[in-house]
Amino acid sequence: MAAQKDEMKIKLIRDGPYRVTGGLPLHEQMIVTDEAGHTTELVDEKEYPLQKAYFLCRCGASKNKPFCDGTHIKIHFDGTETADDAPYLDRADRIIGPTLSLTDADNMCVHARFCMRSGGIWNLTRQSGNPEARDIAIEEAGNCPSGRLIVWDKKSGKALEPEFEKSIVVIEYPPRSEHGPLWVRGGIPVESSDGHVYEIRNRVTLCRCGKSNNKPFCDGSHIER
């Protein structure tokens, strides 16, 4: 059955933008760091007027970011989708700690750096018998925009995932002149240009610089190294 026009989803246009439908809220948030340079949180900078449908730039060259202005046609943008479509858990490594386990699919990293504070989430998971280490590990995993990192309660076997309103966040980091990915929250379907729906997850990050080698998902290529 054909999808309803008002369905909340993101549809890739072949070699073009993301078409967003269903009246999804669009926000802009900025990365905040502590004195040691570790990322601590994302803070609201802007909320865009609510629209039933809109197009978001995928090539990175729009003069009207985050929205598409048609520049992808002029620059002959190649938006070929190259992402590994295996389920997350099939790709993730697992670290076992006293009260938590951690799954980590490192090819999804967008270098937001939430996971580095207090010795890093990997060590914190191994130290999760300590209540403070456990709490910080849960916080760091929950802040990972791409969902690369998920912590699981060992006793219940349940993922300790944050609850999100279905929404999209444009991530910015002005101190480093980094224009991050589109943070897609709340289990929004992402449909490929050929009609295939990627694994629906609580949080994923989509490339908006046009450079990712894991399109449509971000692989951190927006960061100049």
Protein backbone atom coordinates (compact mmCIF):
# COMPACT_ATOMS: atom_id res chain seq x y z
CA MET A 1 0.00 0.00 0.00
CA ALA A 2 1.33 3.44 -0.88
CA ALA A 3 2.62 5.53 2.01
CA GLN A 4 0.42 8.35 3.21
CA LYS A 5 1.60 11.83 2.25
CA ASP A 6 1.67 12.91 5.89
CA GLU A 7 3.75 9.94 7.11
CA MET A 8 6.66 10.92 9.33
CA LYS A 9 9.69 9.82 7.37
CA ILE A 10 12.83 10.91 5.56
CA LYS A 11 13.09 9.96 1.90
CA LEU A 12 16.33 10.24 -0.05
CA ILE A 13 16.05 11.80 -3.49
CA ARG A 14 18.52 10.18 -5.88
CA ASP A 15 21.63 12.42 -6.02
CA GLY A 16 19.54 15.06 -4.29
CA PRO A 17 18.24 16.16 -0.89
CA TYR A 18 16.36 14.51 1.94
CA ARG A 19 12.60 14.93 1.64
CA VAL A 20 11.11 15.20 5.12
CA THR A 21 7.38 14.63 5.57
CA GLY A 22 4.91 14.38 8.40
CA GLY A 23 5.51 17.74 10.08
CA LEU A 24 8.73 16.67 11.80
CA PRO A 25 10.16 19.35 14.13
CA LEU A 26 13.55 20.72 13.04
CA HIS A 27 15.99 22.18 15.58
CA GLU A 28 19.55 23.45 15.63
CA GLN A 29 21.75 22.51 18.57
CA MET A 30 25.33 23.42 19.46
CA ILE A 31 27.97 21.18 21.01
CA VAL A 32 29.21 22.38 24.40
CA THR A 33 32.53 21.29 25.91
CA ASP A 34 34.06 21.45 29.37
CA GLU A 35 37.41 23.01 30.31
CA ALA A 36 39.23 19.83 29.31
CA GLY A 37 37.67 19.97 25.85
CA HIS A 38 35.34 17.01 26.39
CA THR A 39 31.88 17.27 24.89
CA THR A 40 29.27 17.48 27.64
CA GLU A 41 25.96 18.38 26.04
CA LEU A 42 24.02 19.78 23.12
CA VAL A 43 22.13 23.01 23.76
CA ASP A 44 19.26 24.47 21.78
CA GLU A 45 20.15 27.32 19.46
CA LYS A 46 17.18 27.55 17.14
CA GLU A 47 13.82 25.96 16.39
CA TYR A 48 12.74 26.27 12.78
CA PRO A 49 9.11 27.04 11.91
CA LEU A 50 7.13 23.81 11.68
CA GLN A 51 6.45 22.66 8.13
CA LYS A 52 4.47 19.66 6.90
CA ALA A 53 7.19 18.86 4.37
CA TYR A 54 10.62 20.26 3.52
CA PHE A 55 13.87 19.37 1.77
CA LEU A 56 17.22 19.25 3.61
CA CYS A 57 20.56 19.66 1.86
CA ARG A 58 22.56 16.48 1.37
CA CYS A 59 25.37 17.74 -0.88
CA GLY A 60 26.79 20.31 1.52
CA ALA A 61 26.79 23.13 -1.02
CA SER A 62 23.41 24.80 -0.51
CA LYS A 63 23.46 28.54 0.12
CA ASN A 64 20.33 28.08 2.25
CA LYS A 65 21.51 25.42 4.73
CA PRO A 66 20.11 23.33 6.21
CA PHE A 67 17.58 23.48 3.40
CA CYS A 68 18.17 22.44 -0.20
CA ASP A 69 18.39 25.20 -2.83
CA GLY A 70 19.00 22.98 -5.86
CA THR A 71 22.79 23.35 -5.91
CA HIS A 72 23.18 19.54 -6.05
CA ILE A 73 22.11 19.75 -9.70
CA LYS A 74 24.69 22.39 -10.61
CA ILE A 75 27.58 20.52 -8.96
CA HIS A 76 26.46 17.08 -10.21
CA PHE A 77 26.36 15.71 -6.69
CA ASP A 78 26.91 11.95 -6.42
CA GLY A 79 24.69 10.80 -3.60
CA THR A 80 25.17 7.07 -4.18
CA GLU A 81 24.22 5.18 -1.03
CA THR A 82 27.09 3.06 0.27
CA ALA A 83 26.01 2.28 3.84
CA ASP A 84 26.35 -1.17 5.34
CA ASP A 85 22.73 -2.16 5.87
CA ALA A 86 23.40 -5.04 8.27
CA PRO A 87 21.47 -4.69 11.55
CA TYR A 88 23.24 -2.70 14.24
CA LEU A 89 23.73 -5.64 16.59
CA ASP A 90 25.33 -7.71 13.82
CA ARG A 91 28.00 -5.02 13.39
CA ALA A 92 28.61 -4.06 17.00
CA ASP A 93 31.34 -5.30 19.32
CA ARG A 94 30.36 -5.95 22.93
CA ILE A 95 32.14 -5.04 26.16
CA ILE A 96 30.93 -6.70 29.35
CA GLY A 97 31.10 -4.94 32.71
CA PRO A 98 29.80 -5.79 36.20
CA THR A 99 26.34 -4.19 35.78
CA LEU A 100 26.38 -2.90 32.21
CA SER A 101 27.34 -4.17 28.82
CA LEU A 102 28.20 -1.90 25.90
CA THR A 103 27.62 -2.43 22.19
CA ASP A 104 29.85 -0.41 19.87
CA ALA A 105 29.57 -0.20 16.08
CA ASP A 106 32.61 2.00 15.48
CA ASN A 107 31.98 2.52 11.76
CA MET A 108 29.03 4.72 12.78
CA CYS A 109 31.19 7.22 14.69
CA VAL A 110 30.53 10.90 13.92
CA HIS A 111 33.25 12.20 16.28
CA ALA A 112 30.87 14.07 18.58
CA ARG A 113 33.22 13.06 21.42
CA PHE A 114 30.62 12.51 24.15
CA CYS A 115 32.25 9.17 24.96
CA MET A 116 35.69 10.45 26.05
CA ARG A 117 34.99 12.09 29.41
CA SER A 118 36.01 10.46 32.72
CA GLY A 119 38.30 7.93 31.10
CA GLY A 120 35.98 6.97 28.27
CA ILE A 121 32.81 4.91 28.08
CA TRP A 122 34.68 1.65 27.51
CA ASN A 123 36.53 1.88 30.83
CA LEU A 124 33.41 3.18 32.56
CA THR A 125 31.47 0.12 31.39
CA ARG A 126 34.18 -2.16 32.80
CA GLN A 127 33.92 -0.19 36.07
CA SER A 128 30.11 -0.13 36.15
CA GLY A 129 30.00 -1.82 39.55
CA ASN A 130 30.80 1.69 40.76
CA PRO A 131 27.51 3.66 40.76
CA GLU A 132 29.18 6.87 39.58
CA ALA A 133 30.94 5.13 36.70
CA ARG A 134 27.68 3.41 35.76
CA ASP A 135 25.74 6.68 35.70
CA ILE A 136 28.34 8.44 33.55
CA ALA A 137 28.47 5.51 31.13
CA ILE A 138 24.69 5.61 30.71
CA GLU A 139 24.82 9.38 30.17
CA GLU A 140 27.62 9.19 27.60
CA ALA A 141 25.99 6.40 25.61
CA GLY A 142 22.66 8.22 25.63
CA ASN A 143 24.31 11.37 24.28
CA CYS A 144 25.92 9.56 21.32
CA PRO A 145 23.96 11.08 18.41
CA SER A 146 24.53 8.25 15.93
CA GLY A 147 23.60 5.45 18.30
CA ARG A 148 27.02 3.92 17.75
CA LEU A 149 27.14 3.28 21.50
CA ILE A 150 24.36 1.63 23.49
CA VAL A 151 24.57 0.47 27.09
CA TRP A 152 22.51 -2.47 28.31
CA ASP A 153 21.45 -3.35 31.83
CA LYS A 154 22.94 -6.77 32.51
CA LYS A 155 20.22 -7.82 34.95
CA SER A 156 17.23 -7.05 32.71
CA GLY A 157 18.98 -7.31 29.33
CA LYS A 158 17.29 -4.09 28.25
CA ALA A 159 18.90 -1.25 26.34
CA LEU A 160 19.09 1.94 28.40
CA GLU A 161 17.99 4.29 25.66
CA PRO A 162 16.88 7.92 26.06
CA GLU A 163 13.36 8.81 25.00
CA PHE A 164 13.12 11.29 22.15
CA GLU A 165 10.32 13.15 20.46
CA LYS A 166 10.37 12.36 16.75
CA SER A 167 12.49 15.23 15.48
CA ILE A 168 15.59 16.24 13.53
CA VAL A 169 18.50 18.25 14.94
CA VAL A 170 21.11 20.13 12.93
CA ILE A 171 24.34 19.77 14.94
CA GLU A 172 26.82 22.66 14.94
CA TYR A 173 30.14 23.22 16.69
CA PRO A 174 31.19 26.84 16.05
CA PRO A 175 34.48 26.81 18.04
CA ARG A 176 35.90 24.32 15.55
CA SER A 177 33.87 25.55 12.56
CA GLU A 178 32.35 22.08 12.36
CA HIS A 179 28.97 21.64 10.72
CA GLY A 180 27.85 18.28 12.02
CA PRO A 181 25.30 15.78 10.81
CA LEU A 182 21.53 15.66 10.94
CA TRP A 183 20.59 13.93 14.17
CA VAL A 184 17.44 11.93 13.53
CA ARG A 185 15.65 11.06 16.77
CA GLY A 186 12.75 8.94 17.91
CA GLY A 187 12.67 6.08 15.42
CA ILE A 188 11.96 7.97 12.20
CA PRO A 189 12.05 5.76 9.07
CA VAL A 190 14.79 6.64 6.58
CA GLU A 191 13.92 5.44 3.08
CA SER A 192 16.54 5.01 0.37
CA SER A 193 16.16 6.43 -3.11
CA ASP A 194 15.08 2.99 -4.35
CA GLY A 195 12.38 2.57 -1.70
CA HIS A 196 14.27 0.42 0.81
CA VAL A 197 13.79 1.38 4.47
CA TYR A 198 16.95 1.26 6.57
CA GLU A 199 16.86 -0.28 10.05
CA ILE A 200 14.64 1.98 12.17
CA ARG A 201 16.53 3.07 15.27
CA ASN A 202 16.00 5.46 18.16
CA ARG A 203 18.80 7.69 16.85
CA VAL A 204 20.86 7.88 13.70
CA THR A 205 22.93 10.59 12.04
CA LEU A 206 22.64 11.51 8.36
CA CYS A 207 25.40 13.12 6.30
CA ARG A 208 24.82 16.72 5.26
CA CYS A 209 28.31 17.63 3.99
CA GLY A 210 28.20 15.27 1.00
CA LYS A 211 31.59 13.71 1.86
CA SER A 212 30.62 10.61 3.83
CA ASN A 213 31.77 7.24 2.57
CA ASN A 214 28.83 5.69 4.41
CA LYS A 215 25.97 7.56 2.73
CA PRO A 216 23.33 8.37 3.70
CA PHE A 217 24.80 8.13 7.20
CA CYS A 218 27.51 10.36 8.64
CA ASP A 219 31.00 8.92 9.08
CA GLY A 220 32.68 12.01 10.54
CA SER A 221 34.00 13.28 7.18
CA HIS A 222 32.72 16.79 7.94
CA ILE A 223 35.65 17.17 10.35
CA GLU A 224 38.80 18.45 8.66
CA ARG A 225 41.77 16.39 9.72
